[in-house]
N, C-alpha and C. Protein backbone atom coordinates (compact mmCIF):
# COMPACT_ATOMS: atom_id res chain seq x y z
N MET A 1 109.24 76.65 88.74
CA MET A 1 109.63 76.83 90.12
C MET A 1 109.59 78.31 90.50
N LYS A 2 110.03 79.19 89.57
CA LYS A 2 110.01 80.63 89.84
C LYS A 2 108.58 81.11 90.07
N VAL A 3 107.64 80.54 89.36
CA VAL A 3 106.24 80.93 89.52
C VAL A 3 105.75 80.60 90.94
N ILE A 4 106.16 79.46 91.45
CA ILE A 4 105.76 79.05 92.81
C ILE A 4 106.31 80.04 93.83
N PHE A 5 107.61 80.37 93.72
CA PHE A 5 108.20 81.31 94.67
C PHE A 5 107.55 82.68 94.57
N THR A 6 107.28 83.13 93.35
CA THR A 6 106.64 84.42 93.16
C THR A 6 105.25 84.41 93.77
N THR A 7 104.52 83.33 93.60
CA THR A 7 103.19 83.21 94.19
C THR A 7 103.25 83.26 95.70
N VAL A 8 104.20 82.53 96.28
CA VAL A 8 104.36 82.55 97.74
C VAL A 8 104.72 83.95 98.21
N PHE A 9 105.64 84.59 97.50
CA PHE A 9 106.05 85.94 97.84
C PHE A 9 104.86 86.89 97.83
N LEU A 10 104.10 86.82 96.78
CA LEU A 10 102.97 87.73 96.66
C LEU A 10 101.87 87.42 97.66
N ALA A 11 101.79 86.17 98.10
CA ALA A 11 100.80 85.81 99.10
C ALA A 11 101.07 86.53 100.42
N PHE A 12 102.35 86.80 100.71
CA PHE A 12 102.69 87.55 101.91
C PHE A 12 101.99 88.90 101.91
N PHE A 13 101.87 89.51 100.75
CA PHE A 13 101.35 90.86 100.64
C PHE A 13 99.82 90.93 100.64
N SER A 14 99.15 89.82 100.55
CA SER A 14 97.69 89.85 100.51
C SER A 14 97.09 90.26 101.83
N PHE A 15 97.85 90.16 102.92
CA PHE A 15 97.35 90.52 104.24
C PHE A 15 98.02 91.77 104.80
N VAL A 16 98.81 92.45 103.99
CA VAL A 16 99.54 93.62 104.46
C VAL A 16 98.60 94.81 104.58
N THR A 17 98.69 95.50 105.70
CA THR A 17 98.00 96.76 105.86
C THR A 17 99.03 97.84 106.09
N PRO A 18 98.78 99.05 105.65
CA PRO A 18 99.77 100.10 105.83
C PRO A 18 100.08 100.32 107.30
N VAL A 19 101.36 100.42 107.63
CA VAL A 19 101.76 100.64 109.01
C VAL A 19 102.43 101.99 109.19
N TYR A 20 102.62 102.72 108.12
CA TYR A 20 103.25 104.02 108.19
C TYR A 20 102.20 105.09 108.00
N SER A 21 102.38 106.20 108.69
CA SER A 21 101.41 107.29 108.58
C SER A 21 101.46 107.90 107.19
N VAL A 22 100.36 108.48 106.80
CA VAL A 22 100.25 109.07 105.47
C VAL A 22 101.29 110.18 105.29
N GLY A 23 101.55 110.95 106.32
CA GLY A 23 102.48 112.07 106.23
C GLY A 23 103.94 111.66 106.11
N SER A 24 104.25 110.39 106.36
CA SER A 24 105.66 109.98 106.34
C SER A 24 106.20 109.82 104.93
N GLY A 25 105.34 109.71 103.93
CA GLY A 25 105.79 109.53 102.56
C GLY A 25 106.12 108.10 102.21
N ILE A 26 106.01 107.19 103.17
CA ILE A 26 106.29 105.77 102.93
C ILE A 26 104.98 105.01 103.07
N LYS A 27 104.74 104.12 102.12
CA LYS A 27 103.53 103.30 102.22
C LYS A 27 103.86 101.85 101.92
N ALA A 28 103.06 100.96 102.50
CA ALA A 28 103.17 99.53 102.21
C ALA A 28 102.30 99.24 101.00
N LEU A 29 102.85 98.51 100.05
CA LEU A 29 102.11 98.20 98.83
C LEU A 29 101.28 96.94 99.00
N ASP A 30 100.18 96.87 98.27
CA ASP A 30 99.30 95.72 98.35
C ASP A 30 99.74 94.63 97.37
N TYR A 31 99.03 93.53 97.43
CA TYR A 31 99.35 92.34 96.63
C TYR A 31 99.42 92.65 95.14
N GLU A 32 98.43 93.34 94.63
CA GLU A 32 98.36 93.60 93.19
C GLU A 32 99.54 94.47 92.72
N ALA A 33 99.87 95.49 93.47
CA ALA A 33 100.99 96.36 93.11
C ALA A 33 102.30 95.56 93.09
N CYS A 34 102.48 94.69 94.08
CA CYS A 34 103.69 93.87 94.13
C CYS A 34 103.77 92.92 92.95
N ARG A 35 102.66 92.30 92.63
CA ARG A 35 102.63 91.37 91.50
C ARG A 35 103.01 92.08 90.20
N LEU A 36 102.45 93.25 89.98
CA LEU A 36 102.75 94.00 88.77
C LEU A 36 104.22 94.41 88.70
N LEU A 37 104.77 94.85 89.81
CA LEU A 37 106.18 95.26 89.83
C LEU A 37 107.12 94.09 89.56
N VAL A 38 106.82 92.92 90.11
CA VAL A 38 107.63 91.74 89.85
C VAL A 38 107.52 91.34 88.38
N ASN A 39 106.29 91.31 87.85
CA ASN A 39 106.09 90.93 86.45
C ASN A 39 106.76 91.89 85.47
N GLU A 40 106.83 93.17 85.84
CA GLU A 40 107.47 94.17 84.98
C GLU A 40 108.99 94.19 85.14
N GLY A 41 109.51 93.42 86.10
CA GLY A 41 110.95 93.39 86.32
C GLY A 41 111.47 94.59 87.09
N GLU A 42 110.57 95.33 87.72
CA GLU A 42 110.97 96.51 88.47
C GLU A 42 111.62 96.16 89.81
N ILE A 43 111.17 95.05 90.40
CA ILE A 43 111.70 94.65 91.71
C ILE A 43 112.08 93.17 91.68
N LEU A 44 112.86 92.76 92.67
CA LEU A 44 113.28 91.37 92.78
C LEU A 44 112.09 90.46 93.09
N SER A 45 112.14 89.25 92.58
CA SER A 45 111.11 88.26 92.88
C SER A 45 111.41 87.60 94.22
N MET A 46 110.48 86.81 94.71
CA MET A 46 110.67 86.12 95.98
C MET A 46 111.84 85.14 95.91
N SER A 47 112.00 84.46 94.80
CA SER A 47 113.12 83.51 94.68
C SER A 47 114.45 84.25 94.75
N GLU A 48 114.53 85.41 94.12
CA GLU A 48 115.75 86.20 94.18
C GLU A 48 115.99 86.72 95.60
N LEU A 49 114.93 87.11 96.26
CA LEU A 49 115.03 87.59 97.63
C LEU A 49 115.49 86.48 98.58
N MET A 50 114.96 85.27 98.38
CA MET A 50 115.36 84.14 99.21
C MET A 50 116.83 83.80 99.01
N LYS A 51 117.31 83.86 97.78
CA LYS A 51 118.72 83.61 97.51
C LYS A 51 119.59 84.65 98.22
N LEU A 52 119.15 85.90 98.17
CA LEU A 52 119.89 86.97 98.82
C LEU A 52 119.98 86.74 100.33
N VAL A 53 118.86 86.41 100.95
CA VAL A 53 118.84 86.16 102.39
C VAL A 53 119.75 84.98 102.73
N ASN A 54 119.76 83.95 101.91
CA ASN A 54 120.63 82.80 102.15
C ASN A 54 122.11 83.17 102.09
N THR A 55 122.47 84.16 101.30
CA THR A 55 123.87 84.59 101.26
C THR A 55 124.23 85.45 102.46
N LEU A 56 123.23 86.09 103.08
CA LEU A 56 123.49 86.99 104.20
C LEU A 56 123.43 86.28 105.55
N SER A 57 122.60 85.26 105.65
CA SER A 57 122.45 84.56 106.93
C SER A 57 121.90 83.15 106.68
N GLU A 58 121.88 82.37 107.74
CA GLU A 58 121.29 81.04 107.66
C GLU A 58 119.82 81.07 108.08
N GLY A 59 119.31 82.27 108.33
CA GLY A 59 117.94 82.43 108.79
C GLY A 59 116.91 82.21 107.70
N LYS A 60 115.67 82.22 108.12
CA LYS A 60 114.53 82.04 107.21
C LYS A 60 113.64 83.28 107.25
N ILE A 61 113.10 83.64 106.10
CA ILE A 61 112.18 84.77 106.02
C ILE A 61 110.85 84.35 106.65
N ILE A 62 110.38 85.13 107.63
CA ILE A 62 109.08 84.81 108.23
C ILE A 62 108.01 85.84 107.85
N ASP A 63 108.43 87.02 107.42
CA ASP A 63 107.46 88.03 106.98
C ASP A 63 108.19 89.01 106.07
N THR A 64 107.48 89.49 105.06
CA THR A 64 108.04 90.43 104.12
C THR A 64 107.00 91.47 103.77
N ARG A 65 107.45 92.69 103.65
CA ARG A 65 106.56 93.79 103.25
C ARG A 65 107.32 94.65 102.26
N LEU A 66 106.64 95.10 101.23
CA LEU A 66 107.26 96.00 100.26
C LEU A 66 106.81 97.41 100.57
N LEU A 67 107.80 98.28 100.80
CA LEU A 67 107.53 99.68 101.10
C LEU A 67 107.93 100.52 99.91
N GLN A 68 107.21 101.64 99.72
CA GLN A 68 107.53 102.55 98.62
C GLN A 68 107.57 103.97 99.16
N ASP A 69 108.62 104.69 98.77
CA ASP A 69 108.61 106.13 98.97
C ASP A 69 108.57 106.74 97.57
N GLU A 70 108.84 108.00 97.44
CA GLU A 70 108.71 108.65 96.14
C GLU A 70 109.62 108.06 95.07
N GLN A 71 110.81 107.60 95.46
CA GLN A 71 111.79 107.19 94.46
C GLN A 71 112.26 105.75 94.55
N SER A 72 111.90 105.03 95.60
CA SER A 72 112.47 103.70 95.76
C SER A 72 111.48 102.70 96.34
N TYR A 73 111.85 101.44 96.20
CA TYR A 73 111.11 100.32 96.80
C TYR A 73 112.05 99.62 97.76
N ILE A 74 111.57 99.35 98.96
CA ILE A 74 112.38 98.70 99.99
C ILE A 74 111.62 97.49 100.52
N TYR A 75 112.30 96.34 100.57
CA TYR A 75 111.73 95.18 101.24
C TYR A 75 112.07 95.28 102.72
N GLU A 76 111.07 95.17 103.56
CA GLU A 76 111.24 95.09 105.00
C GLU A 76 110.97 93.64 105.37
N MET A 77 111.99 92.95 105.87
CA MET A 77 111.85 91.52 106.14
C MET A 77 112.14 91.20 107.59
N GLU A 78 111.36 90.26 108.12
CA GLU A 78 111.66 89.68 109.42
C GLU A 78 112.35 88.35 109.13
N ILE A 79 113.53 88.18 109.71
CA ILE A 79 114.33 86.98 109.49
C ILE A 79 114.49 86.26 110.81
N ALA A 80 114.09 84.98 110.85
CA ALA A 80 114.29 84.16 112.04
C ALA A 80 115.64 83.46 111.90
N GLY A 81 116.55 83.79 112.81
CA GLY A 81 117.89 83.19 112.78
C GLY A 81 117.87 81.77 113.31
N THR A 82 118.95 81.06 113.08
CA THR A 82 119.05 79.69 113.57
C THR A 82 119.08 79.64 115.10
N ASP A 83 119.41 80.78 115.72
CA ASP A 83 119.42 80.85 117.19
C ASP A 83 118.05 81.22 117.75
N GLY A 84 117.06 81.40 116.88
CA GLY A 84 115.71 81.73 117.32
C GLY A 84 115.43 83.22 117.40
N MET A 85 116.45 84.04 117.24
CA MET A 85 116.27 85.49 117.30
C MET A 85 115.70 85.99 115.98
N VAL A 86 114.78 86.96 116.07
CA VAL A 86 114.18 87.56 114.89
C VAL A 86 114.82 88.92 114.68
N GLN A 87 115.27 89.16 113.46
CA GLN A 87 115.89 90.43 113.11
C GLN A 87 115.20 91.03 111.90
N MET A 88 115.25 92.34 111.82
CA MET A 88 114.70 93.05 110.67
C MET A 88 115.82 93.27 109.67
N LEU A 89 115.49 93.13 108.40
CA LEU A 89 116.45 93.36 107.33
C LEU A 89 115.75 94.23 106.29
N TYR A 90 116.44 95.27 105.84
CA TYR A 90 115.90 96.18 104.83
C TYR A 90 116.75 96.07 103.58
N VAL A 91 116.09 95.79 102.44
CA VAL A 91 116.81 95.56 101.19
C VAL A 91 116.17 96.40 100.09
N ASP A 92 117.01 97.06 99.31
CA ASP A 92 116.52 97.79 98.15
C ASP A 92 115.92 96.77 97.19
N ALA A 93 114.66 96.93 96.86
CA ALA A 93 113.95 95.93 96.07
C ALA A 93 114.41 95.87 94.62
N ARG A 94 115.08 96.89 94.16
CA ARG A 94 115.58 96.88 92.78
C ARG A 94 116.98 96.30 92.68
N SER A 95 117.86 96.73 93.58
CA SER A 95 119.27 96.34 93.46
C SER A 95 119.64 95.13 94.32
N GLY A 96 118.87 94.87 95.38
CA GLY A 96 119.22 93.79 96.29
C GLY A 96 120.23 94.20 97.34
N MET A 97 120.60 95.47 97.37
CA MET A 97 121.56 95.96 98.35
C MET A 97 120.87 96.19 99.70
N VAL A 98 121.56 95.77 100.77
CA VAL A 98 121.04 96.01 102.11
C VAL A 98 121.08 97.50 102.37
N THR A 99 120.00 98.04 102.94
CA THR A 99 119.92 99.47 103.20
C THR A 99 119.77 99.72 104.69
N ASP A 100 120.01 100.93 105.07
CA ASP A 100 119.96 101.35 106.47
C ASP A 100 118.50 101.54 106.90
N PRO A 101 118.06 100.89 107.99
CA PRO A 101 116.67 101.05 108.43
C PRO A 101 116.37 102.47 108.87
N VAL A 102 117.38 103.21 109.32
CA VAL A 102 117.15 104.61 109.72
C VAL A 102 116.68 105.42 108.53
N LYS A 103 117.25 105.15 107.36
CA LYS A 103 116.85 105.85 106.13
C LYS A 103 115.38 105.57 105.84
N VAL A 104 114.97 104.33 106.00
CA VAL A 104 113.59 103.93 105.70
C VAL A 104 112.63 104.59 106.69
N GLU A 105 112.94 104.54 107.98
CA GLU A 105 112.03 105.04 108.99
C GLU A 105 111.96 106.57 109.02
N SER A 106 113.01 107.25 108.61
CA SER A 106 113.01 108.71 108.70
C SER A 106 112.37 109.38 107.50
N GLU A 107 112.20 108.67 106.42
CA GLU A 107 111.64 109.29 105.21
C GLU A 107 110.19 109.41 105.33
């Protein structure tokens, strides 16, 4: 079952293109980099991420992107709430702790 969730998670990244400028120091990682990080245990898997989102809200993940700066990995997620509203959620990919989006955008 974990393999299925990991595969689904990594499939999200197969269509990701970088959305941050080169000078910002933050980049979106591609499918292969995400797969390697999950397999090495460096970052949370999709199943772990889904469990985390379920504890934070009743919403569903509709899009996920893995961002990297010099020292950290951050999941940027779009969450569709039960009320239909879409919210952004930023989570440290190693610890699972929710992080401040201002920190992510300003780096």
